[in-house]
Amino acid sequence: MFRSSDPAETEAYLSRQYAEVTVHASPDARTEVVRHTADRFSVEDLRIGCEMSFTADPLNAVCVVVLHAGTIAVRESGLPDEVFGPGEVFLHTAGHRSYTGAISGARYTAALLHPDLLDDTLQACDKTVRRPVLFTDRRPATAGAGRQLAATVAFLRDSVLAPPPRPRPPIIDTTCGQLLAAAVLAAFPYTTPGARPAAAPGDATLQRAIAFIEANAHLDITLADIAASIPVSPRAVQYAFARHAGTTPLAYLRGVRLARVHEELASAMPGQSTVTETAARWGFAHPGRFAAAYRDAYGTSPSRTLAARPGRTTPTGPAATVPAPAAGARDGSGAAGGAAGAGSAGDAGGAGSAGRWPGRPPVTHVVRERCLVVTLWSPPDPDRRNGLVQHVQSLLEEHRPDCVVVELPPAAATASAVATVLTLHRHCATRQIPLTVAAGQSETRRLIKAVQPAVPVLAEVAEALAEARGAARG
């Protein structure tokens, strides 16, 4: 166990044990490290009460983190740059590459595994698999897999590796190591040398599922029906929507049906139909819940939409509640494209918003002299991050800006928002569009610079605009 309130002592200890560490600030310098070791793996509890950055040589260990408090930013070639917040489970390092990052007031549990433990566990199931295991993402494939891994780590720490009254039999360490390795392999996407690409659920699965939903939304279809139409497993469909559209298949189906109701109500002649009949025809059996969902989506009641004669301007609201899927899938779905483009601003400079969030949208935008300024008003939920990124991508297609500025007000300056910024930076870089960030909080600026030094980060929007325009001209 290590415990200290001295920043210099903490810096020296962590540098010896893990990586070269530099402490930048110490509002609460108390640092604690409790290590539980076994054969070929360990579980460690750490509390880092300061802000610091690190530069690490290959660790020769795969490190998985369950973050309880604070933020951790990590950058490693071959894996996405990410910033993580409380409650997230992630791959801190794959073990065979150098990596850098930053830690701010974090409390977390880390599980470290020797790479051979992963390889041996995988080959025990499939003798044809070649070494080594190569992870392709820092985040678990599903939220359930992440929770299962976190529970496994907690079980090993509390029930197996806690100091026993007598030494553990070797078979306990061996079996528990295999359990931990299996949980890691089940949680994170990976490949192996020479492996054939798996038919992983992705854009193709999403496109086919969306096409089926669009064509059959008037029928009583289920998740099993959607999966059978592709064909893939129901879980693969759920994964594709969660990964690439930030929603679920049935939520998407409800959104399509709600949009169809809106279209019929907006085009119906007075006396031709009723709200209750139209809603029931599209599967909304409960009038009260339907009316609430409709108001959240369109900012008005369905009866007011029906009362407006065709040709008149209906109350403003999003074109659909359907979350925007990945760019490759958006072309195959008119409803998704409508949602992504709702409320957009022109070059004159009006404000726009992503139409698929009820209440106050977490993102608005304005175009100033061919520079797209996007403001994140609240931290994006990790499960909705992909949908938000796709919305901003649709703005890039619509406005074709010379540069982009992302503003992070204090309420939105969280790890999830920083991770969204880094994802947007990668998309802009592929389009050769300069992106800068305006973040009032110094901690946010430090985190972004630590994980991605190429992103200019300034305190004010005006400064970020000037920087972005200069980069666009240069």
Protein backbone atom coordinates (compact mmCIF):
# COMPACT_ATOMS: atom_id res chain seq x y z
CA MET A 1 0.00 0.00 0.00
CA PHE A 2 1.13 3.54 -0.77
CA ARG A 3 -0.37 6.62 0.86
CA SER A 4 0.92 10.19 0.66
CA SER A 5 -0.19 13.83 0.64
CA ASP A 6 3.12 15.08 -0.73
CA PRO A 7 2.88 15.85 -4.50
CA ALA A 8 6.61 15.28 -5.01
CA GLU A 9 6.52 11.92 -3.23
CA THR A 10 3.42 10.92 -5.21
CA GLU A 11 5.08 11.90 -8.47
CA ALA A 12 8.17 9.86 -7.64
CA TYR A 13 6.23 6.77 -6.56
CA LEU A 14 3.88 6.68 -9.57
CA SER A 15 6.79 7.29 -11.93
CA ARG A 16 8.64 4.28 -10.48
CA GLN A 17 5.64 1.96 -10.46
CA TYR A 18 3.75 2.83 -13.63
CA ALA A 19 4.92 5.62 -15.93
CA GLU A 20 6.67 8.96 -16.06
CA VAL A 21 4.24 11.27 -14.26
CA THR A 22 4.12 15.06 -13.93
CA VAL A 23 1.87 16.58 -11.26
CA HIS A 24 0.41 19.89 -12.46
CA ALA A 25 -1.86 20.85 -9.56
CA SER A 26 -2.79 19.37 -6.23
CA PRO A 27 -6.09 20.69 -4.80
CA ASP A 28 -6.27 17.48 -2.76
CA ALA A 29 -2.85 15.89 -3.04
CA ARG A 30 -3.79 12.75 -1.12
CA THR A 31 -2.91 9.67 -3.15
CA GLU A 32 -3.53 6.06 -2.21
CA VAL A 33 -2.64 2.84 -4.00
CA VAL A 34 -3.75 -0.59 -2.74
CA ARG A 35 -2.50 -3.55 -4.78
CA HIS A 36 -3.84 -7.13 -4.76
CA THR A 37 -1.61 -9.49 -6.73
CA ALA A 38 -1.95 -13.00 -8.14
CA ASP A 39 -0.21 -15.12 -10.75
CA ARG A 40 -0.19 -13.18 -14.07
CA PHE A 41 -2.75 -10.57 -12.96
CA SER A 42 -3.45 -7.99 -10.28
CA VAL A 43 -6.30 -5.73 -9.16
CA GLU A 44 -5.42 -2.31 -7.77
CA ASP A 45 -7.45 0.45 -6.13
CA LEU A 46 -6.10 3.95 -6.76
CA ARG A 47 -7.11 7.37 -5.57
CA ILE A 48 -5.29 10.20 -7.35
CA GLY A 49 -6.12 13.47 -5.59
CA CYS A 50 -4.21 15.71 -7.99
CA GLU A 51 -4.12 16.69 -11.65
CA MET A 52 -1.30 15.10 -13.59
CA SER A 53 -0.21 13.97 -17.05
CA PHE A 54 1.74 10.83 -17.88
CA THR A 55 3.94 9.39 -20.61
CA ALA A 56 4.36 5.61 -20.46
CA ASP A 57 6.51 3.06 -22.22
CA PRO A 58 4.78 -0.22 -23.16
CA LEU A 59 3.51 -1.70 -19.91
CA ASN A 60 3.69 -5.36 -21.01
CA ALA A 61 0.30 -5.73 -19.40
CA VAL A 62 -3.26 -5.13 -20.56
CA CYS A 63 -4.85 -2.64 -18.18
CA VAL A 64 -8.63 -2.31 -17.73
CA VAL A 65 -10.05 0.51 -15.59
CA VAL A 66 -13.35 0.88 -13.75
CA LEU A 67 -13.58 4.62 -13.07
CA HIS A 68 -15.53 5.63 -9.96
CA ALA A 69 -14.82 9.39 -9.86
CA GLY A 70 -12.85 12.05 -11.73
CA THR A 71 -11.63 11.92 -15.32
CA ILE A 72 -8.95 10.01 -17.23
CA ALA A 73 -7.77 10.84 -20.75
CA VAL A 74 -5.72 8.33 -22.77
CA ARG A 75 -3.94 8.46 -26.11
CA GLU A 76 -2.34 5.39 -27.71
CA SER A 77 -1.67 4.65 -31.37
CA GLY A 78 -3.96 2.03 -32.84
CA LEU A 79 -6.82 2.87 -30.46
CA PRO A 80 -9.24 5.83 -30.32
CA ASP A 81 -8.22 8.85 -28.21
CA GLU A 82 -10.75 9.04 -25.39
CA VAL A 83 -11.68 10.88 -22.20
CA PHE A 84 -13.61 8.89 -19.60
CA GLY A 85 -15.80 9.90 -16.68
CA PRO A 86 -17.37 8.31 -13.59
CA GLY A 87 -19.09 4.97 -14.12
CA GLU A 88 -17.23 4.09 -17.32
CA VAL A 89 -15.26 0.88 -17.93
CA PHE A 90 -12.48 1.10 -20.49
CA LEU A 91 -9.23 -0.31 -21.83
CA HIS A 92 -6.52 1.93 -20.39
CA THR A 93 -3.72 0.37 -22.46
CA ALA A 94 -3.40 -2.68 -24.71
CA GLY A 95 0.07 -3.21 -23.26
CA HIS A 96 2.37 -3.33 -26.30
CA ARG A 97 2.55 0.37 -27.29
CA SER A 98 3.63 3.58 -25.60
CA TYR A 99 0.77 5.77 -24.42
CA THR A 100 0.11 9.19 -22.90
CA GLY A 101 -2.74 10.90 -21.10
CA ALA A 102 -3.93 12.80 -18.05
CA ILE A 103 -5.69 12.08 -14.76
CA SER A 104 -7.76 14.58 -12.80
CA GLY A 105 -8.98 13.84 -9.27
CA ALA A 106 -9.68 10.20 -10.12
CA ARG A 107 -10.67 7.24 -8.00
CA TYR A 108 -10.63 3.95 -9.88
CA THR A 109 -9.99 0.20 -9.87
CA ALA A 110 -7.46 -1.16 -12.37
CA ALA A 111 -7.07 -4.79 -13.44
CA LEU A 112 -3.73 -5.64 -15.06
CA LEU A 113 -3.28 -8.89 -17.01
CA HIS A 114 -0.19 -10.36 -18.61
CA PRO A 115 -0.87 -10.60 -22.39
CA ASP A 116 -0.05 -14.33 -22.34
CA LEU A 117 -3.01 -14.87 -20.00
CA LEU A 118 -5.40 -13.50 -22.63
CA ASP A 119 -3.76 -15.51 -25.43
CA ASP A 120 -3.82 -18.76 -23.43
CA THR A 121 -7.45 -18.29 -22.43
CA LEU A 122 -8.51 -17.66 -26.03
CA GLN A 123 -6.54 -20.62 -27.40
CA ALA A 124 -8.10 -22.90 -24.81
CA CYS A 125 -11.38 -22.30 -26.65
CA ASP A 126 -9.98 -22.28 -30.19
CA LYS A 127 -6.65 -23.96 -30.92
CA THR A 128 -6.48 -22.39 -34.39
CA VAL A 129 -6.32 -18.80 -33.08
CA ARG A 130 -2.96 -17.11 -33.57
CA ARG A 131 -1.29 -14.85 -31.01
CA PRO A 132 -1.50 -12.10 -29.89
CA VAL A 133 -4.91 -10.65 -29.08
CA LEU A 134 -5.18 -7.19 -30.68
CA PHE A 135 -7.85 -4.92 -29.22
CA THR A 136 -9.61 -2.54 -31.63
CA ASP A 137 -11.56 -0.27 -29.25
CA ARG A 138 -11.23 1.11 -25.75
CA ARG A 139 -14.93 0.86 -24.95
CA PRO A 140 -16.88 -2.36 -24.27
CA ALA A 141 -18.92 -3.67 -27.18
CA THR A 142 -22.09 -3.39 -25.09
CA ALA A 143 -23.05 -1.74 -21.82
CA GLY A 144 -23.95 -5.15 -20.39
CA ALA A 145 -20.50 -6.54 -21.15
CA GLY A 146 -18.93 -3.55 -19.41
CA ARG A 147 -21.06 -4.08 -16.31
CA GLN A 148 -20.21 -7.77 -16.26
CA LEU A 149 -16.49 -7.00 -16.45
CA ALA A 150 -16.77 -4.43 -13.64
CA ALA A 151 -18.59 -6.97 -11.47
CA THR A 152 -15.91 -9.59 -12.19
CA VAL A 153 -13.12 -7.19 -11.19
CA ALA A 154 -14.96 -6.26 -7.97
CA PHE A 155 -15.52 -9.95 -7.13
CA LEU A 156 -11.87 -10.83 -7.58
CA ARG A 157 -10.74 -7.83 -5.51
CA ASP A 158 -13.18 -8.29 -2.63
CA SER A 159 -13.75 -12.04 -2.45
CA VAL A 160 -10.61 -13.65 -3.86
CA LEU A 161 -7.60 -11.37 -3.61
CA ALA A 162 -8.38 -9.76 -0.25
CA PRO A 163 -5.77 -10.92 2.30
CA PRO A 164 -6.78 -14.50 3.26
CA PRO A 165 -5.97 -16.19 6.57
CA ARG A 166 -3.67 -18.59 4.69
CA PRO A 167 -1.99 -18.69 1.26
CA ARG A 168 -4.27 -19.32 -1.71
CA PRO A 169 -3.88 -22.65 -3.55
CA PRO A 170 -2.31 -22.10 -6.99
CA ILE A 171 -5.45 -23.44 -8.67
CA ILE A 172 -7.40 -20.45 -7.34
CA ASP A 173 -5.09 -17.95 -9.02
CA THR A 174 -5.13 -19.94 -12.28
CA THR A 175 -8.90 -20.23 -12.39
CA CYS A 176 -9.50 -16.61 -11.41
CA GLY A 177 -7.01 -15.41 -13.99
CA GLN A 178 -8.90 -17.32 -16.68
CA LEU A 179 -12.18 -15.82 -15.44
CA LEU A 180 -10.80 -12.28 -15.65
CA ALA A 181 -9.28 -12.88 -19.09
CA ALA A 182 -12.56 -14.32 -20.38
CA ALA A 183 -14.48 -11.29 -19.07
CA VAL A 184 -12.04 -8.91 -20.80
CA LEU A 185 -12.27 -10.82 -24.09
CA ALA A 186 -16.07 -10.83 -23.86
CA ALA A 187 -16.19 -7.08 -23.19
CA PHE A 188 -13.85 -5.50 -25.75
CA PRO A 189 -13.73 -5.86 -29.56
CA TYR A 190 -10.53 -7.55 -30.70
CA THR A 191 -8.91 -9.42 -33.54
CA THR A 192 -5.96 -11.78 -33.97
CA PRO A 193 -3.22 -11.97 -36.64
CA GLY A 194 -4.53 -13.49 -39.85
CA ALA A 195 -8.12 -13.56 -38.60
CA ARG A 196 -10.84 -13.19 -41.20
CA PRO A 197 -12.93 -10.07 -40.66
CA ALA A 198 -15.96 -10.98 -38.60
CA ALA A 199 -19.42 -10.08 -39.76
CA ALA A 200 -19.60 -7.53 -36.98
CA PRO A 201 -22.85 -5.57 -36.75
CA GLY A 202 -22.23 -2.12 -38.16
CA ASP A 203 -23.37 0.19 -40.90
CA ALA A 204 -24.61 -2.60 -43.20
CA THR A 205 -26.70 -4.15 -40.45
CA LEU A 206 -28.03 -0.73 -39.53
CA GLN A 207 -28.94 0.15 -43.11
CA ARG A 208 -30.84 -3.08 -43.67
CA ALA A 209 -32.64 -2.80 -40.34
CA ILE A 210 -33.66 0.79 -41.10
CA ALA A 211 -34.89 -0.17 -44.57
CA PHE A 212 -37.04 -2.95 -43.08
CA ILE A 213 -38.45 -0.65 -40.41
CA GLU A 214 -39.25 2.07 -42.92
CA ALA A 215 -41.08 -0.40 -45.16
CA ASN A 216 -42.97 -2.19 -42.39
CA ALA A 217 -43.59 0.40 -39.69
CA HIS A 218 -47.36 0.04 -40.28
CA LEU A 219 -47.19 -3.64 -39.30
CA ASP A 220 -46.90 -5.28 -35.88
CA ILE A 221 -43.17 -6.04 -36.20
CA THR A 222 -40.84 -7.10 -33.40
CA LEU A 223 -37.09 -7.10 -32.81
CA ALA A 224 -37.01 -10.73 -33.96
CA ASP A 225 -38.72 -9.76 -37.23
CA ILE A 226 -36.16 -6.99 -37.85
CA ALA A 227 -33.25 -9.36 -37.17
CA ALA A 228 -34.70 -12.14 -39.37
CA SER A 229 -35.03 -9.75 -42.32
CA ILE A 230 -31.24 -9.17 -42.52
CA PRO A 231 -30.56 -11.96 -41.25
CA VAL A 232 -28.57 -11.57 -38.04
CA SER A 233 -29.26 -12.20 -34.38
CA PRO A 234 -31.50 -9.80 -32.42
CA ARG A 235 -28.50 -8.91 -30.27
CA ALA A 236 -26.54 -7.90 -33.39
CA VAL A 237 -29.33 -5.51 -34.36
CA GLN A 238 -29.36 -4.00 -30.88
CA TYR A 239 -25.59 -3.60 -30.97
CA ALA A 240 -25.68 -1.92 -34.42
CA PHE A 241 -28.25 0.66 -33.27
CA ALA A 242 -26.49 1.32 -29.97
CA ARG A 243 -23.07 1.61 -31.61
CA HIS A 244 -23.93 3.59 -34.72
CA ALA A 245 -27.20 5.43 -33.98
CA GLY A 246 -27.20 5.91 -30.19
CA THR A 247 -30.64 4.33 -29.76
CA THR A 248 -32.48 0.99 -29.79
CA PRO A 249 -34.29 -0.68 -32.70
CA LEU A 250 -37.70 -0.35 -31.04
CA ALA A 251 -37.11 3.28 -30.10
CA TYR A 252 -36.21 3.92 -33.73
CA LEU A 253 -39.41 2.15 -34.81
CA ARG A 254 -41.48 4.33 -32.47
CA GLY A 255 -39.78 7.41 -33.88
CA VAL A 256 -40.63 6.40 -37.45
CA ARG A 257 -44.25 5.75 -36.50
CA LEU A 258 -44.49 9.09 -34.70
CA ALA A 259 -43.14 10.83 -37.80
CA ARG A 260 -45.74 9.05 -39.98
CA VAL A 261 -48.51 10.20 -37.65
CA HIS A 262 -47.21 13.75 -37.92
CA GLU A 263 -47.19 13.55 -41.72
CA GLU A 264 -50.78 12.30 -41.84
CA LEU A 265 -52.07 14.87 -39.35
CA ALA A 266 -50.30 17.72 -41.13
CA SER A 267 -51.74 16.76 -44.53
CA ALA A 268 -55.25 15.70 -43.50
CA MET A 269 -58.26 17.83 -44.39
CA PRO A 270 -60.46 18.88 -41.45
CA GLY A 271 -63.01 16.17 -40.74
CA GLN A 272 -61.07 13.55 -42.71
CA SER A 273 -59.61 11.81 -39.65
CA THR A 274 -59.13 12.13 -35.91
CA VAL A 275 -56.00 12.16 -33.79
CA THR A 276 -57.04 9.00 -31.95
CA GLU A 277 -57.73 7.07 -35.18
CA THR A 278 -54.45 8.13 -36.79
CA ALA A 279 -52.38 7.35 -33.69
CA ALA A 280 -54.02 3.94 -33.25
CA ARG A 281 -53.39 3.08 -36.90
CA TRP A 282 -49.67 3.56 -36.23
CA GLY A 283 -49.62 1.56 -33.02
CA PHE A 284 -50.15 4.26 -30.36
CA ALA A 285 -52.93 2.80 -28.21
CA HIS A 286 -52.62 5.13 -25.20
CA PRO A 287 -53.82 8.66 -26.13
CA GLY A 288 -52.18 10.36 -23.16
CA ARG A 289 -48.72 8.89 -23.68
CA PHE A 290 -48.96 9.51 -27.42
CA ALA A 291 -49.88 13.17 -26.89
CA ALA A 292 -46.93 13.64 -24.50
CA ALA A 293 -44.48 12.02 -26.94
CA TYR A 294 -45.84 14.13 -29.81
CA ARG A 295 -45.51 17.37 -27.84
CA ASP A 296 -41.93 16.50 -26.86
CA ALA A 297 -41.09 15.90 -30.52
CA TYR A 298 -42.95 18.74 -32.26
CA GLY A 299 -43.51 21.37 -29.59
CA THR A 300 -47.26 21.36 -30.09
CA SER A 301 -50.28 19.10 -29.64
CA PRO A 302 -51.40 16.64 -32.33
CA SER A 303 -54.85 18.27 -32.38
CA ARG A 304 -53.32 21.63 -33.32
CA THR A 305 -51.39 19.99 -36.16
CA LEU A 306 -54.60 18.38 -37.42
CA ALA A 307 -56.49 21.69 -37.19
CA ALA A 308 -53.98 23.47 -39.43
CA ARG A 309 -55.15 23.23 -43.06
CA PRO A 310 -52.71 21.91 -45.66
CA GLY A 311 -50.52 24.66 -47.05
CA ARG A 312 -50.45 26.65 -43.81
CA THR A 313 -47.35 26.75 -41.63
CA THR A 314 -47.62 24.23 -38.86
CA PRO A 315 -46.09 24.87 -35.44
CA THR A 316 -42.33 24.49 -35.56
CA GLY A 317 -40.65 21.37 -34.25
CA PRO A 318 -38.33 18.61 -35.30
CA ALA A 319 -39.03 16.80 -38.53
CA ALA A 320 -38.99 13.48 -36.70
CA THR A 321 -37.99 11.98 -33.39
CA VAL A 322 -35.87 9.43 -35.21
CA PRO A 323 -32.21 9.64 -34.10
CA ALA A 324 -29.78 10.19 -36.97
CA PRO A 325 -27.91 6.96 -37.79
CA ALA A 326 -24.41 6.68 -39.14
CA ALA A 327 -23.62 8.63 -42.29
CA GLY A 328 -23.59 5.51 -44.44
CA ALA A 329 -27.10 4.61 -43.28
CA ARG A 330 -28.61 8.06 -43.42
CA ASP A 331 -28.90 8.01 -47.21
CA GLY A 332 -31.25 5.06 -47.00
CA SER A 333 -33.69 6.70 -44.59
CA GLY A 334 -35.60 9.83 -45.33
CA ALA A 335 -36.84 10.09 -41.78
CA ALA A 336 -33.32 10.03 -40.37
CA GLY A 337 -32.13 12.66 -42.79
CA GLY A 338 -35.04 14.88 -41.82
CA ALA A 339 -34.14 14.64 -38.17
CA ALA A 340 -30.52 15.48 -38.75
CA GLY A 341 -31.32 18.60 -40.74
CA ALA A 342 -34.05 19.96 -38.50
CA GLY A 343 -33.73 23.52 -37.27
CA SER A 344 -30.50 24.30 -39.10
CA ALA A 345 -29.25 27.84 -39.50
CA GLY A 346 -28.19 29.57 -42.68
CA ASP A 347 -25.19 31.74 -43.34
CA ALA A 348 -27.13 34.69 -41.99
CA GLY A 349 -26.44 33.30 -38.56
CA GLY A 350 -29.64 32.04 -36.91
CA ALA A 351 -29.41 29.38 -34.20
CA GLY A 352 -30.30 25.76 -34.90
CA SER A 353 -30.67 22.64 -32.82
CA ALA A 354 -30.66 18.88 -33.09
CA GLY A 355 -34.31 17.98 -33.28
CA ARG A 356 -34.27 14.58 -31.66
CA TRP A 357 -33.83 15.62 -28.02
CA PRO A 358 -36.92 16.57 -25.97
CA GLY A 359 -36.78 19.81 -24.02
CA ARG A 360 -33.73 22.00 -24.35
CA PRO A 361 -31.37 20.50 -26.93
CA PRO A 362 -27.85 19.69 -25.73
CA VAL A 363 -26.38 21.21 -28.89
CA THR A 364 -27.07 24.34 -30.94
CA HIS A 365 -25.21 25.85 -33.83
CA VAL A 366 -24.72 29.06 -35.77
CA VAL A 367 -22.77 29.85 -38.95
CA ARG A 368 -20.55 32.93 -38.81
CA GLU A 369 -18.69 33.94 -41.94
CA ARG A 370 -18.47 30.32 -43.14
CA CYS A 371 -17.38 29.05 -39.72
CA LEU A 372 -19.68 26.55 -38.00
CA VAL A 373 -19.91 27.26 -34.25
CA VAL A 374 -21.38 24.31 -32.30
CA THR A 375 -22.28 24.77 -28.63
CA LEU A 376 -22.73 21.78 -26.31
CA TRP A 377 -25.09 23.09 -23.64
CA SER A 378 -25.09 19.95 -21.54
CA PRO A 379 -22.85 16.89 -21.40
CA PRO A 380 -23.88 14.29 -23.99
CA ASP A 381 -24.85 10.93 -22.57
CA PRO A 382 -22.22 8.34 -23.67
CA ASP A 383 -25.01 6.20 -25.15
CA ARG A 384 -26.14 9.18 -27.31
CA ARG A 385 -22.70 10.41 -28.32
CA ASN A 386 -22.74 8.76 -31.73
CA GLY A 387 -26.09 10.33 -32.58
CA LEU A 388 -24.82 13.77 -31.62
CA VAL A 389 -21.67 13.35 -33.69
CA GLN A 390 -23.75 12.26 -36.67
CA HIS A 391 -25.92 15.37 -36.26
CA VAL A 392 -22.83 17.60 -36.42
CA GLN A 393 -21.64 15.65 -39.46
CA SER A 394 -24.94 16.44 -41.16
CA LEU A 395 -24.33 20.13 -40.41
CA LEU A 396 -20.94 19.85 -42.10
CA GLU A 397 -22.62 18.40 -45.19
CA GLU A 398 -25.31 21.08 -45.16
CA HIS A 399 -23.20 24.20 -44.62
CA ARG A 400 -19.80 23.15 -46.02
CA PRO A 401 -17.95 25.42 -43.54
CA ASP A 402 -14.33 26.47 -43.85
CA CYS A 403 -13.74 25.77 -40.15
CA VAL A 404 -15.47 24.55 -36.98
CA VAL A 405 -15.50 25.88 -33.41
CA VAL A 406 -16.86 23.73 -30.57
CA GLU A 407 -17.90 25.70 -27.48
CA LEU A 408 -17.99 23.95 -24.10
CA PRO A 409 -19.81 26.07 -21.47
CA PRO A 410 -19.07 25.12 -17.84
CA ALA A 411 -22.19 22.95 -17.54
CA ALA A 412 -21.05 20.80 -20.45
CA ALA A 413 -17.34 20.61 -19.64
CA THR A 414 -17.29 16.94 -18.65
CA ALA A 415 -15.34 13.90 -19.74
CA SER A 416 -18.18 12.86 -22.05
CA ALA A 417 -18.17 16.26 -23.76
CA VAL A 418 -14.40 16.15 -24.18
CA ALA A 419 -14.66 12.68 -25.72
CA THR A 420 -17.25 14.05 -28.15
CA VAL A 421 -14.91 16.89 -29.11
CA LEU A 422 -12.11 14.45 -29.87
CA THR A 423 -14.41 12.36 -32.05
CA LEU A 424 -15.51 15.47 -33.96
CA HIS A 425 -11.87 16.45 -34.43
CA ARG A 426 -11.14 13.11 -36.12
CA HIS A 427 -14.10 13.58 -38.49
CA CYS A 428 -13.05 17.14 -39.33
CA ALA A 429 -9.44 16.08 -39.88
CA THR A 430 -10.52 13.57 -42.52
CA ARG A 431 -12.33 16.41 -44.31
CA GLN A 432 -9.38 18.79 -43.83
CA ILE A 433 -11.58 21.23 -41.90
CA PRO A 434 -9.76 23.03 -39.03
CA LEU A 435 -11.44 22.58 -35.63
CA THR A 436 -10.80 24.62 -32.50
CA VAL A 437 -12.34 24.48 -29.03
CA ALA A 438 -13.56 27.24 -26.72
CA ALA A 439 -13.56 25.98 -23.12
CA GLY A 440 -13.74 28.32 -20.17
CA GLN A 441 -12.59 25.74 -17.63
CA SER A 442 -8.84 25.29 -17.40
CA GLU A 443 -9.21 21.62 -16.40
CA THR A 444 -11.10 20.94 -19.62
CA ARG A 445 -8.43 22.66 -21.69
CA ARG A 446 -5.70 20.63 -19.99
CA LEU A 447 -7.51 17.34 -20.60
CA ILE A 448 -8.00 18.02 -24.29
CA LYS A 449 -4.39 19.12 -24.77
CA ALA A 450 -3.11 16.08 -22.89
CA VAL A 451 -4.94 13.55 -25.01
CA GLN A 452 -4.82 15.38 -28.36
CA PRO A 453 -2.22 18.19 -28.55
CA ALA A 454 -3.17 18.92 -32.17
CA VAL A 455 -6.50 20.45 -31.11
CA PRO A 456 -6.24 24.23 -30.44
CA VAL A 457 -8.07 25.00 -27.18
CA LEU A 458 -8.79 28.59 -26.10
CA ALA A 459 -10.79 30.17 -23.33
CA GLU A 460 -13.15 32.36 -25.40
CA VAL A 461 -15.26 31.78 -28.50
CA ALA A 462 -13.89 34.92 -30.19
CA GLU A 463 -10.32 33.66 -29.75
CA ALA A 464 -11.25 30.21 -31.04
CA LEU A 465 -12.99 31.76 -34.07
CA ALA A 466 -9.90 33.80 -34.93
CA GLU A 467 -7.70 30.73 -34.55
CA ALA A 468 -9.98 28.58 -36.72
CA ARG A 469 -10.26 31.19 -39.46
CA GLY A 470 -6.50 31.67 -39.49
CA ALA A 471 -6.01 27.91 -39.86
CA ALA A 472 -8.57 27.80 -42.69
CA ARG A 473 -6.79 30.61 -44.56
CA GLY A 474 -3.36 29.08 -43.97
